[in-house]
Amino acid sequence: SLRPAARSLQRGRTAPPKGSLFLRATSDLVRSLSGTDKTFQCEICLCFERVDEGFVVEECEHMFCEGCMSTYAVSQISDGKTDIRCPCINSDAGDRCTAVLQEAEVLQLLASDVDIIGKYQ
């Protein structure tokens, strides 16, 4: 099964499929840019998305597509990880971001996937 981002790319879209759950990020950065036509490039799928439809890791303020981050979180939890780190990599040094998503952020990404939430908790 293709990831949501891959399905979107396959269909020639940069936005998530209709009906996707999009929870608004609460970062000051996103709130300050909401309602504008600003976009960002997701570091995972490389698609351009509207800022107010992004997910921001609160600790580091790196921004990703909601769908990409949901898929990433599910993958990490399925692999037995409980500390979900920001997936951003510093392109200059190749170092991975050290920020860890807070429990509330992870639960937001998991939405209502009861099986994965059970594994996480």
PDB file of N, CA and C in Angstrom:
ATOM      1  N   SER A   1       0.848  -1.194   0.000  1.00  0.00           N
ATOM      2  CA  SER A   1       0.000   0.000   0.000  1.00  0.00           C
ATOM      3  C   SER A   1       0.887   1.249   0.000  1.00  0.00           C
ATOM      4  N   LEU A   2       0.577   2.189  -0.847  1.00  0.00           N
ATOM      5  CA  LEU A   2       1.356   3.418  -0.920  1.00  0.00           C
ATOM      6  C   LEU A   2       1.025   4.343   0.231  1.00  0.00           C
ATOM      7  N   ARG A   3       2.032   5.085   0.684  1.00  0.00           N
ATOM      8  CA  ARG A   3       1.805   6.108   1.696  1.00  0.00           C
ATOM      9  C   ARG A   3       0.894   7.170   1.105  1.00  0.00           C
ATOM     10  N   PRO A   4       0.153   7.926   1.967  1.00  0.00           N
ATOM     11  CA  PRO A   4      -0.718   8.982   1.447  1.00  0.00           C
ATOM     12  C   PRO A   4       0.020   9.965   0.546  1.00  0.00           C
ATOM     13  N   ALA A   5       1.226  10.351   0.917  1.00  0.00           N
ATOM     14  CA  ALA A   5       1.973  11.310   0.092  1.00  0.00           C
ATOM     15  C   ALA A   5       2.309  10.711  -1.262  1.00  0.00           C
ATOM     16  N   ALA A   6       2.669   9.439  -1.269  1.00  0.00           N
ATOM     17  CA  ALA A   6       3.010   8.785  -2.533  1.00  0.00           C
ATOM     18  C   ALA A   6       1.772   8.666  -3.411  1.00  0.00           C
ATOM     19  N   ARG A   7       0.618   8.352  -2.793  1.00  0.00           N
ATOM     20  CA  ARG A   7      -0.625   8.284  -3.572  1.00  0.00           C
ATOM     21  C   ARG A   7      -0.952   9.641  -4.163  1.00  0.00           C
ATOM     22  N   SER A   8      -0.737  10.713  -3.392  1.00  0.00           N
ATOM     23  CA  SER A   8      -0.999  12.061  -3.887  1.00  0.00           C
ATOM     24  C   SER A   8      -0.103  12.376  -5.066  1.00  0.00           C
ATOM     25  N   LEU A   9       1.184  12.026  -4.971  1.00  0.00           N
ATOM     26  CA  LEU A   9       2.113  12.277  -6.061  1.00  0.00           C
ATOM     27  C   LEU A   9       1.729  11.457  -7.285  1.00  0.00           C
ATOM     28  N   GLN A  10       1.324  10.225  -7.061  1.00  0.00           N
ATOM     29  CA  GLN A  10       0.952   9.348  -8.155  1.00  0.00           C
ATOM     30  C   GLN A  10      -0.231   9.935  -8.921  1.00  0.00           C
ATOM     31  N   ARG A  11      -1.132  10.588  -8.214  1.00  0.00           N
ATOM     32  CA  ARG A  11      -2.293  11.205  -8.839  1.00  0.00           C
ATOM     33  C   ARG A  11      -1.993  12.603  -9.358  1.00  0.00           C
ATOM     34  N   GLY A  12      -0.746  13.051  -9.197  1.00  0.00           N
ATOM     35  CA  GLY A  12      -0.367  14.367  -9.687  1.00  0.00           C
ATOM     36  C   GLY A  12      -0.785  15.499  -8.772  1.00  0.00           C
ATOM     37  N   ARG A  13      -1.076  15.182  -7.510  1.00  0.00           N
ATOM     38  CA  ARG A  13      -1.494  16.210  -6.575  1.00  0.00           C
ATOM     39  C   ARG A  13      -0.398  16.460  -5.561  1.00  0.00           C
ATOM     40  N   THR A  14      -0.359  17.673  -5.041  1.00  0.00           N
ATOM     41  CA  THR A  14       0.564  17.967  -3.963  1.00  0.00           C
ATOM     42  C   THR A  14      -0.179  18.065  -2.641  1.00  0.00           C
ATOM     43  N   ALA A  15      -1.486  18.120  -2.674  1.00  0.00           N
ATOM     44  CA  ALA A  15      -2.284  18.198  -1.452  1.00  0.00           C
ATOM     45  C   ALA A  15      -2.709  16.785  -1.069  1.00  0.00           C
ATOM     46  N   PRO A  16      -3.036  16.578   0.200  1.00  0.00           N
ATOM     47  CA  PRO A  16      -3.483  15.256   0.627  1.00  0.00           C
ATOM     48  C   PRO A  16      -4.838  14.922   0.004  1.00  0.00           C
ATOM     49  N   PRO A  17      -5.189  13.636  -0.057  1.00  0.00           N
ATOM     50  CA  PRO A  17      -6.468  13.247  -0.627  1.00  0.00           C
ATOM     51  C   PRO A  17      -7.629  13.894   0.121  1.00  0.00           C
ATOM     52  N   LYS A  18      -8.732  14.166  -0.602  1.00  0.00           N
ATOM     53  CA  LYS A  18      -9.911  14.744   0.039  1.00  0.00           C
ATOM     54  C   LYS A  18     -10.348  13.834   1.174  1.00  0.00           C
ATOM     55  N   GLY A  19     -10.818  14.462   2.249  1.00  0.00           N
ATOM     56  CA  GLY A  19     -11.283  13.702   3.389  1.00  0.00           C
ATOM     57  C   GLY A  19     -10.191  13.380   4.389  1.00  0.00           C
ATOM     58  N   SER A  20      -8.938  13.745   4.094  1.00  0.00           N
ATOM     59  CA  SER A  20      -7.859  13.495   5.046  1.00  0.00           C
ATOM     60  C   SER A  20      -8.073  14.330   6.287  1.00  0.00           C
ATOM     61  N   LEU A  21      -7.680  13.774   7.396  1.00  0.00           N
ATOM     62  CA  LEU A  21      -7.772  14.515   8.635  1.00  0.00           C
ATOM     63  C   LEU A  21      -6.599  15.471   8.726  1.00  0.00           C
ATOM     64  N   PHE A  22      -6.884  16.734   8.841  1.00  0.00           N
ATOM     65  CA  PHE A  22      -5.834  17.731   9.000  1.00  0.00           C
ATOM     66  C   PHE A  22      -6.064  18.466  10.294  1.00  0.00           C
ATOM     67  N   LEU A  23      -5.216  18.230  11.233  1.00  0.00           N
ATOM     68  CA  LEU A  23      -5.262  18.956  12.487  1.00  0.00           C
ATOM     69  C   LEU A  23      -4.321  20.131  12.359  1.00  0.00           C
ATOM     70  N   ARG A  24      -4.770  21.265  12.759  1.00  0.00           N
ATOM     71  CA  ARG A  24      -3.969  22.471  12.606  1.00  0.00           C
ATOM     72  C   ARG A  24      -2.829  22.493  13.624  1.00  0.00           C
ATOM     73  N   ALA A  25      -1.655  22.805  13.161  1.00  0.00           N
ATOM     74  CA  ALA A  25      -0.507  22.942  14.051  1.00  0.00           C
ATOM     75  C   ALA A  25      -0.715  24.177  14.913  1.00  0.00           C
ATOM     76  N   THR A  26      -0.207  24.149  16.127  1.00  0.00           N
ATOM     77  CA  THR A  26      -0.446  25.242  17.055  1.00  0.00           C
ATOM     78  C   THR A  26       0.759  26.156  17.208  1.00  0.00           C
ATOM     79  N   SER A  27       1.770  25.946  16.433  1.00  0.00           N
ATOM     80  CA  SER A  27       2.971  26.764  16.541  1.00  0.00           C
ATOM     81  C   SER A  27       2.686  28.231  16.261  1.00  0.00           C
ATOM     82  N   ASP A  28       3.399  29.112  16.960  1.00  0.00           N
ATOM     83  CA  ASP A  28       3.287  30.551  16.699  1.00  0.00           C
ATOM     84  C   ASP A  28       3.612  30.854  15.245  1.00  0.00           C
ATOM     85  N   LEU A  29       4.579  30.145  14.686  1.00  0.00           N
ATOM     86  CA  LEU A  29       4.962  30.341  13.291  1.00  0.00           C
ATOM     87  C   LEU A  29       3.769  30.113  12.368  1.00  0.00           C
ATOM     88  N   VAL A  30       3.078  29.007  12.563  1.00  0.00           N
ATOM     89  CA  VAL A  30       1.936  28.689  11.716  1.00  0.00           C
ATOM     90  C   VAL A  30       0.807  29.682  11.944  1.00  0.00           C
ATOM     91  N   ARG A  31       0.537  30.005  13.212  1.00  0.00           N
ATOM     92  CA  ARG A  31      -0.529  30.965  13.491  1.00  0.00           C
ATOM     93  C   ARG A  31      -0.234  32.306  12.843  1.00  0.00           C
ATOM     94  N   SER A  32       1.029  32.726  12.837  1.00  0.00           N
ATOM     95  CA  SER A  32       1.367  34.033  12.268  1.00  0.00           C
ATOM     96  C   SER A  32       1.227  34.047  10.747  1.00  0.00           C
ATOM     97  N   LEU A  33       1.356  32.889  10.109  1.00  0.00           N
ATOM     98  CA  LEU A  33       1.269  32.829   8.653  1.00  0.00           C
ATOM     99  C   LEU A  33      -0.074  32.329   8.147  1.00  0.00           C
ATOM    100  N   SER A  34      -0.948  31.874   9.061  1.00  0.00           N
ATOM    101  CA  SER A  34      -2.246  31.357   8.638  1.00  0.00           C
ATOM    102  C   SER A  34      -3.030  32.434   7.917  1.00  0.00           C
ATOM    103  N   GLY A  35      -3.799  31.993   6.939  1.00  0.00           N
ATOM    104  CA  GLY A  35      -4.612  32.919   6.174  1.00  0.00           C
ATOM    105  C   GLY A  35      -3.842  33.589   5.052  1.00  0.00           C
ATOM    106  N   THR A  36      -2.585  33.264   4.912  1.00  0.00           N
ATOM    107  CA  THR A  36      -1.795  33.818   3.817  1.00  0.00           C
ATOM    108  C   THR A  36      -1.629  32.739   2.762  1.00  0.00           C
ATOM    109  N   ASP A  37      -1.022  33.094   1.665  1.00  0.00           N
ATOM    110  CA  ASP A  37      -0.780  32.101   0.621  1.00  0.00           C
ATOM    111  C   ASP A  37       0.622  31.518   0.719  1.00  0.00           C
ATOM    112  N   LYS A  38       1.219  31.595   1.894  1.00  0.00           N
ATOM    113  CA  LYS A  38       2.565  31.069   2.104  1.00  0.00           C
ATOM    114  C   LYS A  38       2.556  29.546   2.004  1.00  0.00           C
ATOM    115  N   THR A  39       3.629  29.015   1.449  1.00  0.00           N
ATOM    116  CA  THR A  39       3.761  27.570   1.355  1.00  0.00           C
ATOM    117  C   THR A  39       5.115  27.150   1.933  1.00  0.00           C
ATOM    118  N   PHE A  40       5.252  25.871   2.161  1.00  0.00           N
ATOM    119  CA  PHE A  40       6.515  25.304   2.616  1.00  0.00           C
ATOM    120  C   PHE A  40       6.720  24.006   1.861  1.00  0.00           C
ATOM    121  N   GLN A  41       7.949  23.541   1.842  1.00  0.00           N
ATOM    122  CA  GLN A  41       8.237  22.263   1.211  1.00  0.00           C
ATOM    123  C   GLN A  41       8.457  21.230   2.305  1.00  0.00           C
ATOM    124  N   CYS A  42       7.658  20.193   2.272  1.00  0.00           N
ATOM    125  CA  CYS A  42       7.786  19.109   3.248  1.00  0.00           C
ATOM    126  C   CYS A  42       9.138  18.433   3.037  1.00  0.00           C
ATOM    127  N   GLU A  43       9.866  18.225   4.121  1.00  0.00           N
ATOM    128  CA  GLU A  43      11.191  17.603   4.048  1.00  0.00           C
ATOM    129  C   GLU A  43      11.114  16.098   3.769  1.00  0.00           C
ATOM    130  N   ILE A  44       9.916  15.530   3.870  1.00  0.00           N
ATOM    131  CA  ILE A  44       9.769  14.093   3.646  1.00  0.00           C
ATOM    132  C   ILE A  44       9.366  13.809   2.201  1.00  0.00           C
ATOM    133  N   CYS A  45       8.263  14.384   1.746  1.00  0.00           N
ATOM    134  CA  CYS A  45       7.771  14.081   0.386  1.00  0.00           C
ATOM    135  C   CYS A  45       8.192  15.120  -0.649  1.00  0.00           C
ATOM    136  N   LEU A  46       8.734  16.244  -0.180  1.00  0.00           N
ATOM    137  CA  LEU A  46       9.210  17.340  -1.030  1.00  0.00           C
ATOM    138  C   LEU A  46       8.098  18.066  -1.784  1.00  0.00           C
ATOM    139  N   CYS A  47       6.843  17.829  -1.384  1.00  0.00           N
ATOM    140  CA  CYS A  47       5.712  18.556  -1.974  1.00  0.00           C
ATOM    141  C   CYS A  47       5.596  19.922  -1.310  1.00  0.00           C
ATOM    142  N   PHE A  48       5.016  20.862  -2.029  1.00  0.00           N
ATOM    143  CA  PHE A  48       4.732  22.174  -1.467  1.00  0.00           C
ATOM    144  C   PHE A  48       3.317  22.166  -0.916  1.00  0.00           C
ATOM    145  N   GLU A  49       3.178  22.619   0.316  1.00  0.00           N
ATOM    146  CA  GLU A  49       1.897  22.638   1.014  1.00  0.00           C
ATOM    147  C   GLU A  49       1.657  24.026   1.587  1.00  0.00           C
ATOM    148  N   ARG A  50       0.406  24.335   1.843  1.00  0.00           N
ATOM    149  CA  ARG A  50       0.083  25.591   2.515  1.00  0.00           C
ATOM    150  C   ARG A  50       0.549  25.499   3.969  1.00  0.00           C
ATOM    151  N   VAL A  51       1.088  26.590   4.473  1.00  0.00           N
ATOM    152  CA  VAL A  51       1.622  26.621   5.835  1.00  0.00           C
ATOM    153  C   VAL A  51       0.575  26.210   6.856  1.00  0.00           C
ATOM    154  N   ASP A  52      -0.658  26.673   6.686  1.00  0.00           N
ATOM    155  CA  ASP A  52      -1.673  26.357   7.693  1.00  0.00           C
ATOM    156  C   ASP A  52      -2.157  24.910   7.618  1.00  0.00           C
ATOM    157  N   GLU A  53      -1.632  24.133   6.688  1.00  0.00           N
ATOM    158  CA  GLU A  53      -1.955  22.710   6.610  1.00  0.00           C
ATOM    159  C   GLU A  53      -0.758  21.841   6.997  1.00  0.00           C
ATOM    160  N   GLY A  54       0.239  22.447   7.598  1.00  0.00           N
ATOM    161  CA  GLY A  54       1.429  21.719   7.994  1.00  0.00           C
ATOM    162  C   GLY A  54       1.381  21.254   9.430  1.00  0.00           C
ATOM    163  N   PHE A  55       2.269  20.357   9.747  1.00  0.00           N
ATOM    164  CA  PHE A  55       2.465  19.903  11.126  1.00  0.00           C
ATOM    165  C   PHE A  55       3.826  20.415  11.556  1.00  0.00           C
ATOM    166  N   VAL A  56       3.861  21.094  12.697  1.00  0.00           N
ATOM    167  CA  VAL A  56       5.103  21.659  13.204  1.00  0.00           C
ATOM    168  C   VAL A  56       5.507  20.919  14.467  1.00  0.00           C
ATOM    169  N   VAL A  57       6.746  20.458  14.499  1.00  0.00           N
ATOM    170  CA  VAL A  57       7.290  19.864  15.719  1.00  0.00           C
ATOM    171  C   VAL A  57       7.573  21.036  16.655  1.00  0.00           C
ATOM    172  N   GLU A  58       6.874  21.079  17.757  1.00  0.00           N
ATOM    173  CA  GLU A  58       6.941  22.244  18.643  1.00  0.00           C
ATOM    174  C   GLU A  58       8.357  22.559  19.133  1.00  0.00           C
ATOM    175  N   GLU A  59       9.127  21.538  19.470  1.00  0.00           N
ATOM    176  CA  GLU A  59      10.451  21.756  20.065  1.00  0.00           C
ATOM    177  C   GLU A  59      11.427  22.443  19.103  1.00  0.00           C
ATOM    178  N   CYS A  60      11.371  22.094  17.828  1.00  0.00           N
ATOM    179  CA  CYS A  60      12.354  22.615  16.872  1.00  0.00           C
ATOM    180  C   CYS A  60      11.735  23.484  15.778  1.00  0.00           C
ATOM    181  N   GLU A  61      10.418  23.435  15.651  1.00  0.00           N
ATOM    182  CA  GLU A  61       9.643  24.167  14.646  1.00  0.00           C
ATOM    183  C   GLU A  61       9.921  23.735  13.206  1.00  0.00           C
ATOM    184  N   HIS A  62      10.391  22.491  13.017  1.00  0.00           N
ATOM    185  CA  HIS A  62      10.480  21.948  11.657  1.00  0.00           C
ATOM    186  C   HIS A  62       9.066  21.599  11.209  1.00  0.00           C
ATOM    187  N   MET A  63       8.782  21.819   9.925  1.00  0.00           N
ATOM    188  CA  MET A  63       7.424  21.667   9.402  1.00  0.00           C
ATOM    189  C   MET A  63       7.367  20.583   8.331  1.00  0.00           C
ATOM    190  N   PHE A  64       6.308  19.778   8.414  1.00  0.00           N
ATOM    191  CA  PHE A  64       6.087  18.664   7.498  1.00  0.00           C
ATOM    192  C   PHE A  64       4.613  18.586   7.147  1.00  0.00           C
ATOM    193  N   CYS A  65       4.301  17.811   6.108  1.00  0.00           N
ATOM    194  CA  CYS A  65       2.896  17.502   5.794  1.00  0.00           C
ATOM    195  C   CYS A  65       2.327  16.693   6.959  1.00  0.00           C
ATOM    196  N   GLU A  66       1.078  16.918   7.255  1.00  0.00           N
ATOM    197  CA  GLU A  66       0.398  16.122   8.283  1.00  0.00           C
ATOM    198  C   GLU A  66       0.425  14.639   7.912  1.00  0.00           C
ATOM    199  N   GLY A  67       0.140  14.314   6.654  1.00  0.00           N
ATOM    200  CA  GLY A  67       0.117  12.917   6.222  1.00  0.00           C
ATOM    201  C   GLY A  67       1.476  12.243   6.331  1.00  0.00           C
ATOM    202  N   CYS A  68       2.515  12.952   5.943  1.00  0.00           N
ATOM    203  CA  CYS A  68       3.875  12.394   6.048  1.00  0.00           C
ATOM    204  C   CYS A  68       4.250  12.128   7.496  1.00  0.00           C
ATOM    205  N   MET A  69       3.947  13.075   8.352  1.00  0.00           N
ATOM    206  CA  MET A  69       4.300  12.893   9.765  1.00  0.00           C
ATOM    207  C   MET A  69       3.477  11.785  10.412  1.00  0.00           C
ATOM    208  N   SER A  70       2.222  11.645  10.012  1.00  0.00           N
ATOM    209  CA  SER A  70       1.399  10.548  10.543  1.00  0.00           C
ATOM    210  C   SER A  70       1.989   9.203  10.137  1.00  0.00           C
ATOM    211  N   THR A  71       2.353   9.086   8.869  1.00  0.00           N
ATOM    212  CA  THR A  71       2.955   7.848   8.368  1.00  0.00           C
ATOM    213  C   THR A  71       4.273   7.568   9.073  1.00  0.00           C
ATOM    214  N   TYR A  72       5.072   8.605   9.263  1.00  0.00           N
ATOM    215  CA  TYR A  72       6.362   8.473   9.952  1.00  0.00           C
ATOM    216  C   TYR A  72       6.155   7.997  11.392  1.00  0.00           C
ATOM    217  N   ALA A  73       5.214   8.620  12.102  1.00  0.00           N
ATOM    218  CA  ALA A  73       4.965   8.242  13.505  1.00  0.00           C
ATOM    219  C   ALA A  73       4.503   6.789  13.600  1.00  0.00           C
ATOM    220  N   VAL A  74       3.582   6.387  12.731  1.00  0.00           N
ATOM    221  CA  VAL A  74       3.090   5.001  12.728  1.00  0.00           C
ATOM    222  C   VAL A  74       4.243   4.041  12.465  1.00  0.00           C
ATOM    223  N   SER A  75       5.109   4.378  11.521  1.00  0.00           N
ATOM    224  CA  SER A  75       6.260   3.537  11.198  1.00  0.00           C
ATOM    225  C   SER A  75       7.195   3.387  12.399  1.00  0.00           C
ATOM    226  N   GLN A  76       7.480   4.499  13.053  1.00  0.00           N
ATOM    227  CA  GLN A  76       8.374   4.465  14.216  1.00  0.00           C
ATOM    228  C   GLN A  76       7.788   3.622  15.346  1.00  0.00           C
ATOM    229  N   ILE A  77       6.499   3.797  15.601  1.00  0.00           N
ATOM    230  CA  ILE A  77       5.837   3.038  16.673  1.00  0.00           C
ATOM    231  C   ILE A  77       5.769   1.563  16.309  1.00  0.00           C
ATOM    232  N   SER A  78       5.492   1.266  15.052  1.00  0.00           N
ATOM    233  CA  SER A  78       5.448  -0.130  14.594  1.00  0.00           C
ATOM    234  C   SER A  78       6.806  -0.807  14.765  1.00  0.00           C
ATOM    235  N   ASP A  79       7.882  -0.003  14.684  1.00  0.00           N
ATOM    236  CA  ASP A  79       9.238  -0.521  14.895  1.00  0.00           C
ATOM    237  C   ASP A  79       9.605  -0.596  16.375  1.00  0.00           C
ATOM    238  N   GLY A  80       8.660  -0.277  17.263  1.00  0.00           N
ATOM    239  CA  GLY A  80       8.879  -0.388  18.696  1.00  0.00           C
ATOM    240  C   GLY A  80       9.441   0.849  19.366  1.00  0.00           C
ATOM    241  N   LYS A  81       9.522   1.945  18.667  1.00  0.00           N
ATOM    242  CA  LYS A  81      10.071   3.169  19.255  1.00  0.00           C
ATOM    243  C   LYS A  81       8.977   3.940  19.986  1.00  0.00           C
ATOM    244  N   THR A  82       9.330   4.483  21.134  1.00  0.00           N
ATOM    245  CA  THR A  82       8.378   5.301  21.890  1.00  0.00           C
ATOM    246  C   THR A  82       8.787   6.774  21.902  1.00  0.00           C
ATOM    247  N   ASP A  83      10.066   7.041  21.704  1.00  0.00           N
ATOM    248  CA  ASP A  83      10.530   8.421  21.552  1.00  0.00           C
ATOM    249  C   ASP A  83      10.608   8.711  20.060  1.00  0.00           C
ATOM    250  N   ILE A  84       9.644   9.460  19.570  1.00  0.00           N
ATOM    251  CA  ILE A  84       9.578   9.762  18.150  1.00  0.00           C
ATOM    252  C   ILE A  84      10.338  11.060  17.906  1.00  0.00           C
ATOM    253  N   ARG A  85      11.441  10.962  17.194  1.00  0.00           N
ATOM    254  CA  ARG A  85      12.282  12.131  16.923  1.00  0.00           C
ATOM    255  C   ARG A  85      11.846  12.823  15.651  1.00  0.00           C
ATOM    256  N   CYS A  86      12.113  14.106  15.586  1.00  0.00           N
ATOM    257  CA  CYS A  86      11.885  14.873  14.362  1.00  0.00           C
ATOM    258  C   CYS A  86      12.703  14.234  13.248  1.00  0.00           C
ATOM    259  N   PRO A  87      12.109  14.016  12.079  1.00  0.00           N
ATOM    260  CA  PRO A  87      12.845  13.359  10.993  1.00  0.00           C
ATOM    261  C   PRO A  87      13.746  14.286  10.176  1.00  0.00           C
ATOM    262  N   CYS A  88      13.804  15.554  10.526  1.00  0.00           N
ATOM    263  CA  CYS A  88      14.576  16.516   9.738  1.00  0.00           C
ATOM    264  C   CYS A  88      16.075  16.230   9.839  1.00  0.00           C
ATOM    265  N   ILE A  89      16.744  16.337   8.703  1.00  0.00           N
ATOM    266  CA  ILE A  89      18.195  16.155   8.653  1.00  0.00           C
ATOM    267  C   ILE A  89      18.814  17.446   8.154  1.00  0.00           C
ATOM    268  N   ASN A  90      19.823  17.920   8.860  1.00  0.00           N
ATOM    269  CA  ASN A  90      20.543  19.121   8.457  1.00  0.00           C
ATOM    270  C   ASN A  90      21.344  18.767   7.211  1.00  0.00           C
ATOM    271  N   SER A  91      20.957  19.358   6.088  1.00  0.00           N
ATOM    272  CA  SER A  91      21.586  18.982   4.823  1.00  0.00           C
ATOM    273  C   SER A  91      23.075  19.324   4.752  1.00  0.00           C
ATOM    274  N   ASP A  92      23.508  20.341   5.502  1.00  0.00           N
ATOM    275  CA  ASP A  92      24.925  20.712   5.474  1.00  0.00           C
ATOM    276  C   ASP A  92      25.798  19.697   6.205  1.00  0.00           C
ATOM    277  N   ALA A  93      25.391  19.351   7.419  1.00  0.00           N
ATOM    278  CA  ALA A  93      26.214  18.471   8.244  1.00  0.00           C
ATOM    279  C   ALA A  93      25.762  17.012   8.196  1.00  0.00           C
ATOM    280  N   GLY A  94      24.527  16.778   7.737  1.00  0.00           N
ATOM    281  CA  GLY A  94      23.998  15.422   7.720  1.00  0.00           C
ATOM    282  C   GLY A  94      23.547  14.942   9.083  1.00  0.00           C
ATOM    283  N   ASP A  95      23.491  15.856  10.052  1.00  0.00           N
ATOM    284  CA  ASP A  95      23.051  15.502  11.402  1.00  0.00           C
ATOM    285  C   ASP A  95      21.529  15.504  11.474  1.00  0.00           C
ATOM    286  N   ARG A  96      20.994  14.582  12.228  1.00  0.00           N
ATOM    287  CA  ARG A  96      19.559  14.499  12.420  1.00  0.00           C
ATOM    288  C   ARG A  96      19.142  15.416  13.564  1.00  0.00           C
ATOM    289  N   CYS A  97      17.997  16.042  13.426  1.00  0.00           N
ATOM    290  CA  CYS A  97      17.453  16.893  14.483  1.00  0.00           C
ATOM    291  C   CYS A  97      17.282  16.058  15.759  1.00  0.00           C
ATOM    292  N   THR A  98      17.540  16.647  16.893  1.00  0.00           N
ATOM    293  CA  THR A  98      17.451  15.918  18.161  1.00  0.00           C
ATOM    294  C   THR A  98      16.120  16.112  18.878  1.00  0.00           C
ATOM    295  N   ALA A  99      15.236  16.918  18.322  1.00  0.00           N
ATOM    296  CA  ALA A  99      13.941  17.175  18.969  1.00  0.00           C
ATOM    297  C   ALA A  99      13.107  15.896  19.025  1.00  0.00           C
ATOM    298  N   VAL A 100      12.412  15.735  20.145  1.00  0.00           N
ATOM    299  CA  VAL A 100      11.521  14.587  20.338  1.00  0.00           C
ATOM    300  C   VAL A 100      10.092  15.118  20.412  1.00  0.00           C
ATOM    301  N   LEU A 101       9.187  14.482  19.673  1.00  0.00           N
ATOM    302  CA  LEU A 101       7.794  14.898  19.703  1.00  0.00           C
ATOM    303  C   LEU A 101       7.200  14.623  21.076  1.00  0.00           C
ATOM    304  N   GLN A 102       6.410  15.547  21.553  1.00  0.00           N
ATOM    305  CA  GLN A 102       5.711  15.379  22.826  1.00  0.00           C
ATOM    306  C   GLN A 102       4.578  14.374  22.632  1.00  0.00           C
ATOM    307  N   GLU A 103       4.133  13.765  23.713  1.00  0.00           N
ATOM    308  CA  GLU A 103       3.063  12.764  23.630  1.00  0.00           C
ATOM    309  C   GLU A 103       1.819  13.330  22.952  1.00  0.00           C
ATOM    310  N   ALA A 104       1.449  14.553  23.277  1.00  0.00           N
ATOM    311  CA  ALA A 104       0.261  15.169  22.663  1.00  0.00           C
ATOM    312  C   ALA A 104       0.416  15.297  21.155  1.00  0.00           C
ATOM    313  N   GLU A 105       1.617  15.609  20.700  1.00  0.00           N
ATOM    314  CA  GLU A 105       1.873  15.717  19.256  1.00  0.00           C
ATOM    315  C   GLU A 105       1.722  14.353  18.581  1.00  0.00           C
ATOM    316  N   VAL A 106       2.273  13.321  19.212  1.00  0.00           N
ATOM    317  CA  VAL A 106       2.185  11.975  18.639  1.00  0.00           C
ATOM    318  C   VAL A 106       0.729  11.524  18.586  1.00  0.00           C
ATOM    319  N   LEU A 107      -0.007  11.746  19.665  1.00  0.00           N
ATOM    320  CA  LEU A 107      -1.417  11.347  19.689  1.00  0.00           C
ATOM    321  C   LEU A 107      -2.220  12.114  18.645  1.00  0.00           C
ATOM    322  N   GLN A 108      -1.869  13.373  18.410  1.00  0.00           N
ATOM    323  CA  GLN A 108      -2.521  14.167  17.371  1.00  0.00           C
ATOM    324  C   GLN A 108      -2.299  13.515  16.000  1.00  0.00           C
ATOM    325  N   LEU A 109      -1.090  13.062  15.766  1.00  0.00           N
ATOM    326  CA  LEU A 109      -0.758  12.424  14.486  1.00  0.00           C
ATOM    327  C   LEU A 109      -1.449  11.079  14.306  1.00  0.00           C
ATOM    328  N   LEU A 110      -1.627  10.363  15.395  1.00  0.00           N
ATOM    329  CA  LEU A 110      -2.226   9.032  15.316  1.00  0.00           C
ATOM    330  C   LEU A 110      -3.731   9.100  15.177  1.00  0.00           C
ATOM    331  N   ALA A 111      -4.317  10.259  15.457  1.00  0.00           N
ATOM    332  CA  ALA A 111      -5.758  10.496  15.356  1.00  0.00           C
ATOM    333  C   ALA A 111      -6.529   9.396  16.087  1.00  0.00           C
ATOM    334  N   SER A 112      -7.207   8.558  15.358  1.00  0.00           N
ATOM    335  CA  SER A 112      -8.050   7.552  16.015  1.00  0.00           C
ATOM    336  C   SER A 112      -7.602   6.124  15.701  1.00  0.00           C
ATOM    337  N   ASP A 113      -6.342   5.932  15.371  1.00  0.00           N
ATOM    338  CA  ASP A 113      -5.820   4.596  15.081  1.00  0.00           C
ATOM    339  C   ASP A 113      -5.571   3.877  16.408  1.00  0.00           C
ATOM    340  N   VAL A 114      -6.606   3.222  16.909  1.00  0.00           N
ATOM    341  CA  VAL A 114      -6.595   2.621  18.246  1.00  0.00           C
ATOM    342  C   VAL A 114      -5.469   1.613  18.415  1.00  0.00           C
ATOM    343  N   ASP A 115      -5.205   0.792  17.399  1.00  0.00           N
ATOM    344  CA  ASP A 115      -4.155  -0.221  17.505  1.00  0.00           C
ATOM    345  C   ASP A 115      -2.789   0.402  17.708  1.00  0.00           C
ATOM    346  N   ILE A 116      -2.470   1.427  16.923  1.00  0.00           N
ATOM    347  CA  ILE A 116      -1.166   2.089  17.032  1.00  0.00           C
ATOM    348  C   ILE A 116      -1.082   2.875  18.326  1.00  0.00           C
ATOM    349  N   ILE A 117      -2.164   3.521  18.733  1.00  0.00           N
ATOM    350  CA  ILE A 117      -2.156   4.255  20.001  1.00  0.00           C
ATOM    351  C   ILE A 117      -1.872   3.289  21.143  1.00  0.00           C
ATOM    352  N   GLY A 118      -2.454   2.109  21.096  1.00  0.00           N
ATOM    353  CA  GLY A 118      -2.194   1.095  22.109  1.00  0.00           C
ATOM    354  C   GLY A 118      -0.734   0.677  22.150  1.00  0.00           C
ATOM    355  N   LYS A 119      -0.109   0.526  20.985  1.00  0.00           N
ATOM    356  CA  LYS A 119       1.313   0.185  20.931  1.00  0.00           C
ATOM    357  C   LYS A 119       2.161   1.318  21.498  1.00  0.00           C
ATOM    358  N   TYR A 120       1.749   2.546  21.200  1.00  0.00           N
ATOM    359  CA  TYR A 120       2.532   3.718  21.648  1.00  0.00           C
ATOM    360  C   TYR A 120       2.468   3.872  23.153  1.00  0.00           C
ATOM    361  N   GLN A 121       1.280   3.685  23.715  1.00  0.00           N
ATOM    362  CA  GLN A 121       1.111   3.896  25.152  1.00  0.00           C
ATOM    363  C   GLN A 121       1.507   2.653  25.880  1.00  0.00           C
TER     364      GLN A 121
END
